[in-house]
Protein backbone atom coordinates (compact mmCIF):
# COMPACT_ATOMS: atom_id res chain seq x y z
CA UNK A 1 -32.14 26.48 -36.29
CA UNK A 2 -31.90 22.62 -35.92
CA UNK A 3 -28.56 22.43 -37.35
CA UNK A 4 -26.99 25.48 -35.05
CA UNK A 5 -28.46 23.53 -32.13
CA UNK A 6 -26.79 20.36 -33.33
CA UNK A 7 -23.33 21.85 -33.61
CA UNK A 8 -23.51 23.88 -30.25
CA UNK A 9 -24.35 20.82 -28.68
CA UNK A 10 -21.63 18.79 -30.24
CA UNK A 11 -19.25 22.05 -29.13
CA UNK A 12 -20.60 21.26 -25.57
CA UNK A 13 -19.52 17.79 -25.97
CA UNK A 14 -16.31 18.51 -26.84
CA UNK A 15 -15.98 21.05 -24.35
CA UNK A 16 -16.98 18.52 -22.08
CA UNK A 17 -14.16 15.88 -23.06
CA UNK A 18 -11.65 18.44 -23.18
CA UNK A 19 -11.82 19.72 -20.04
CA UNK A 20 -12.07 16.35 -18.55
CA UNK A 21 -8.93 15.22 -20.07
CA UNK A 22 -7.43 18.30 -18.35
CA UNK A 23 -8.81 17.55 -15.15
CA UNK A 24 -8.28 14.13 -14.78
CA UNK A 25 -4.67 14.64 -16.93
CA UNK A 26 -3.70 16.92 -13.60
CA UNK A 27 -5.11 14.40 -11.02
CA UNK A 28 -2.81 11.95 -12.30
CA UNK A 29 0.05 14.38 -12.27
CA UNK A 30 -0.45 15.13 -8.65
CA UNK A 31 -0.57 11.96 -7.47
CA UNK A 32 1.78 10.00 -10.16
CA UNK A 33 4.30 12.67 -10.88
CA UNK A 34 4.43 15.87 -8.31
CA UNK A 35 3.68 14.09 -5.09
CA UNK A 36 6.08 11.49 -5.78
CA UNK A 37 8.80 13.83 -6.64
CA UNK A 38 8.26 16.43 -3.63
CA UNK A 39 8.88 13.20 -1.12
CA UNK A 40 12.23 12.98 -2.10
CA UNK A 41 13.19 16.11 -3.27
CA UNK A 42 15.28 18.66 -1.74
CA UNK A 43 14.07 21.55 0.69
CA UNK A 44 14.76 24.31 -1.76
CA UNK A 45 13.16 22.04 -4.61
CA UNK A 46 10.31 21.40 -2.95
CA UNK A 47 9.96 25.04 -1.28
CA UNK A 48 10.12 26.31 -5.21
CA UNK A 49 7.49 23.67 -6.46
CA UNK A 50 5.10 24.84 -3.70
CA UNK A 51 5.62 28.73 -4.28
CA UNK A 52 5.87 28.62 -8.22
CA UNK A 53 3.88 25.53 -9.46
CA UNK A 54 1.84 23.97 -7.54
CA UNK A 55 -0.31 27.42 -7.30
CA UNK A 56 -0.53 27.35 -11.17
CA UNK A 57 -1.34 23.45 -11.54
CA UNK A 58 -3.86 23.81 -8.70
CA UNK A 59 -5.72 26.69 -10.56
CA UNK A 60 -5.91 24.66 -14.13
CA UNK A 61 -7.16 21.62 -11.85
CA UNK A 62 -9.78 23.04 -10.00
CA UNK A 63 -11.02 25.12 -12.80
CA UNK A 64 -11.42 22.06 -15.08
CA UNK A 65 -13.15 20.21 -12.76
CA UNK A 66 -15.59 23.01 -12.80
CA UNK A 67 -15.76 23.37 -15.99
CA UNK A 68 -15.92 19.68 -16.47
CA UNK A 69 -18.97 19.91 -14.24
CA UNK A 70 -21.06 22.50 -15.75
CA UNK A 71 -20.56 20.80 -19.25
CA UNK A 72 -22.21 17.72 -17.76
CA UNK A 73 -24.75 18.85 -16.40
CA UNK A 74 -25.76 20.64 -19.83
CA UNK A 75 -25.30 17.55 -21.31
CA UNK A 76 -27.87 15.52 -19.14
CA UNK A 77 -30.20 17.99 -19.11
CA UNK A 78 -30.61 18.51 -23.48
CA UNK A 79 -28.58 15.44 -25.07
CA UNK A 80 -29.51 12.82 -23.10
CA UNK A 81 -33.11 11.14 -23.45
CA UNK A 82 -32.36 7.74 -21.73
CA UNK A 83 -30.85 8.23 -18.66
CA UNK A 84 -28.68 5.09 -17.95
CA UNK A 85 -27.47 3.33 -14.70
CA UNK A 86 -24.29 4.00 -16.56
CA UNK A 87 -24.21 7.81 -17.02
CA UNK A 88 -25.84 7.95 -13.49
CA UNK A 89 -23.24 6.39 -11.85
CA UNK A 90 -20.60 7.83 -13.52
CA UNK A 91 -22.03 11.39 -13.16
CA UNK A 92 -22.70 10.56 -9.35
CA UNK A 93 -18.79 10.00 -9.11
CA UNK A 94 -17.73 12.87 -11.19
CA UNK A 95 -19.89 15.13 -9.06
CA UNK A 96 -18.45 13.73 -5.84
CA UNK A 97 -14.99 14.11 -7.56
CA UNK A 98 -15.47 17.69 -8.36
CA UNK A 99 -16.67 18.55 -4.73
CA UNK A 100 -13.35 16.75 -3.50
CA UNK A 101 -11.46 19.00 -5.50
CA UNK A 102 -13.37 22.35 -4.21
CA UNK A 103 -14.38 21.22 -0.87
CA UNK A 104 -11.37 19.24 0.35
CA UNK A 105 -8.44 19.40 -1.91
CA UNK A 106 -8.71 22.77 -2.92
CA UNK A 107 -9.37 23.99 0.81
CA UNK A 108 -6.58 22.18 2.10
CA UNK A 109 -3.90 22.84 -0.44
CA UNK A 110 -4.07 26.53 0.03
CA UNK A 111 -2.50 25.76 3.59
CA UNK A 112 0.11 23.54 2.20
CA UNK A 113 1.13 25.95 -0.20
CA UNK A 114 0.92 29.15 2.20
CA UNK A 115 -1.93 31.04 0.80
CA UNK A 116 -3.50 30.26 4.00
CA UNK A 117 -2.71 30.32 7.90
CA UNK A 118 -3.05 26.41 9.41
CA UNK A 119 -1.36 23.30 9.97
CA UNK A 120 0.24 22.14 6.72
CA UNK A 121 0.79 18.71 7.69
CA UNK A 122 -2.53 17.79 8.62
CA UNK A 123 -3.78 19.46 5.88
CA UNK A 124 -1.69 18.06 3.23
CA UNK A 125 -2.93 14.41 4.49
CA UNK A 126 -6.24 15.39 4.28
CA UNK A 127 -6.11 16.62 0.60
CA UNK A 128 -3.72 13.62 -0.14
CA UNK A 129 -6.57 11.37 0.80
CA UNK A 130 -9.14 13.23 -1.17
CA UNK A 131 -6.65 13.40 -4.09
CA UNK A 132 -6.46 9.42 -3.84
CA UNK A 133 -9.98 8.89 -3.33
CA UNK A 134 -10.31 10.85 -6.69
CA UNK A 135 -8.24 8.23 -8.20
CA UNK A 136 -9.52 5.44 -7.02
CA UNK A 137 -12.90 6.69 -8.53
CA UNK A 138 -11.65 8.01 -11.62
CA UNK A 139 -11.42 4.76 -13.55
CA UNK A 140 -14.74 3.20 -12.93
CA UNK A 141 -16.18 6.61 -13.39
CA UNK A 142 -14.84 7.04 -16.93
CA UNK A 143 -15.83 3.65 -17.69
CA UNK A 144 -19.66 4.17 -17.07
CA UNK A 145 -19.20 7.43 -19.24
CA UNK A 146 -17.53 5.84 -22.46
CA UNK A 147 -20.17 2.91 -21.66
CA UNK A 148 -23.21 5.34 -21.57
CA UNK A 149 -22.13 6.79 -24.95
CA UNK A 150 -20.77 3.79 -26.98
CA UNK A 151 -23.00 0.65 -25.41
CA UNK A 152 -25.93 2.04 -24.15
CA UNK A 153 -29.02 -0.50 -24.01
CA UNK A 154 -28.94 -2.00 -26.84
CA UNK A 155 -25.29 -3.60 -25.94
CA UNK A 156 -26.45 -4.02 -22.25
CA UNK A 157 -30.14 -4.40 -21.83
CA UNK A 158 -29.57 -3.99 -17.59
CA UNK A 159 -28.12 -0.76 -18.05
CA UNK A 160 -31.27 1.47 -17.99
CA UNK A 161 -32.53 3.64 -15.42
CA UNK A 162 -35.13 5.83 -17.33
CA UNK A 163 -35.97 5.62 -20.96
CA UNK A 164 -37.49 8.58 -23.27
CA UNK A 165 -37.79 10.86 -20.25
CA UNK A 166 -38.24 13.77 -22.32
CA UNK A 167 -40.87 12.44 -24.40
CA UNK A 168 -43.92 14.46 -24.08
CA UNK A 169 -46.51 12.66 -21.84
CA UNK A 170 -44.45 9.43 -22.54
CA UNK A 171 -44.38 6.87 -19.77
CA UNK A 172 -41.13 6.62 -17.76
CA UNK A 173 -39.58 3.20 -17.38
CA UNK A 174 -37.27 2.22 -14.93
CA UNK A 175 -34.61 -0.06 -13.31
CA UNK A 176 -33.14 0.22 -10.16
CA UNK A 177 -31.87 -3.30 -9.18
CA UNK A 178 -29.72 -3.92 -6.26
CA UNK A 179 -26.87 -3.82 -8.70
CA UNK A 180 -27.44 -0.01 -8.95
CA UNK A 181 -27.84 0.66 -5.09
CA UNK A 182 -24.46 -1.71 -4.25
CA UNK A 183 -22.48 0.91 -6.46
CA UNK A 184 -24.13 3.68 -5.01
CA UNK A 185 -23.47 2.66 -1.42
CA UNK A 186 -20.16 1.85 -2.26
CA UNK A 187 -19.58 4.93 -3.77
CA UNK A 188 -20.87 6.80 -0.70
CA UNK A 189 -18.98 4.94 1.63
CA UNK A 190 -15.44 5.67 -0.25
CA UNK A 191 -16.26 9.42 0.02
CA UNK A 192 -17.07 9.08 3.62
CA UNK A 193 -13.46 7.64 3.91
CA UNK A 194 -12.43 10.53 2.01
CA UNK A 195 -14.09 13.07 4.06
CA UNK A 196 -13.55 11.26 7.79
CA UNK A 197 -11.49 8.38 7.33
CA UNK A 198 -7.90 7.56 6.99
CA UNK A 199 -5.43 6.65 4.12
CA UNK A 200 -5.73 2.71 3.64
CA UNK A 201 -2.91 0.54 2.04
CA UNK A 202 -5.07 -0.30 -1.04
CA UNK A 203 -4.49 3.68 -2.24
CA UNK A 204 -1.74 4.47 -0.24
CA UNK A 205 1.08 4.28 -3.14
CA UNK A 206 0.83 4.54 -6.83
CA UNK A 207 1.00 1.13 -7.84
CA UNK A 208 -1.75 0.45 -5.20
CA UNK A 209 -4.18 3.11 -6.24
CA UNK A 210 -3.90 2.56 -9.84
CA UNK A 211 -4.46 -1.21 -9.03
CA UNK A 212 -7.57 -0.81 -6.62
CA UNK A 213 -8.93 1.47 -9.40
CA UNK A 214 -8.98 -1.23 -12.21
CA UNK A 215 -10.38 -3.82 -9.48
CA UNK A 216 -13.30 -1.00 -8.34
CA UNK A 217 -14.25 -0.97 -12.00
CA UNK A 218 -14.20 -4.48 -12.42
CA UNK A 219 -16.42 -5.20 -9.72
CA UNK A 220 -18.65 -2.03 -10.95
CA UNK A 221 -19.41 -2.69 -14.36
CA UNK A 222 -19.39 -6.49 -13.42
CA UNK A 223 -22.65 -5.65 -11.33
CA UNK A 224 -24.13 -3.22 -13.28
CA UNK A 225 -23.96 -4.55 -16.85
CA UNK A 226 -22.89 -8.61 -16.67
CA UNK A 227 -24.54 -10.00 -13.50
């Protein structure tokens, strides 16, 4: 029974990584490839992309995001005995990114590709801002997810939030420092801009959003692990 449960959990973790790769890979495709191509494409080529390519890519994109979310919830519930600040922050960013996919990007892209009536220009701007926001958050999200599995409290004593939460009747040890709340506040401010704000120069171009994402990763990881 224990072997069967172990294999089941391994398969879920493998599936989580697999659909996560598909999700983030398509996110980068949209931001780094398709969007840049559409900017310079001839009208006929752009129309063909929106009619034939984009709907198919968006289908894989949104369902990969949702399956990443579902498998991640399972892993948090069943397998994580030590809930670290790293996995908490990584999960927070991942959940926000998934909600952006379904709540902002897909709702507005349906207008852009002609599946729903509306202002295509305004919808495209909203979807683009949310997509750039997800790209900005993607590197720190991935960093915290990886560090939670391959670093942990042994490597970074500051990185725990709850220890041995699954121990029956056992005490819960906690750490909620200023660094954790600074990162949470920063992530929420970034998301508020995705909903109500505008496309700032730091995320407007491919080069700028990649650079900003690396810088954000360095700042967040420095706060949580090293300061």
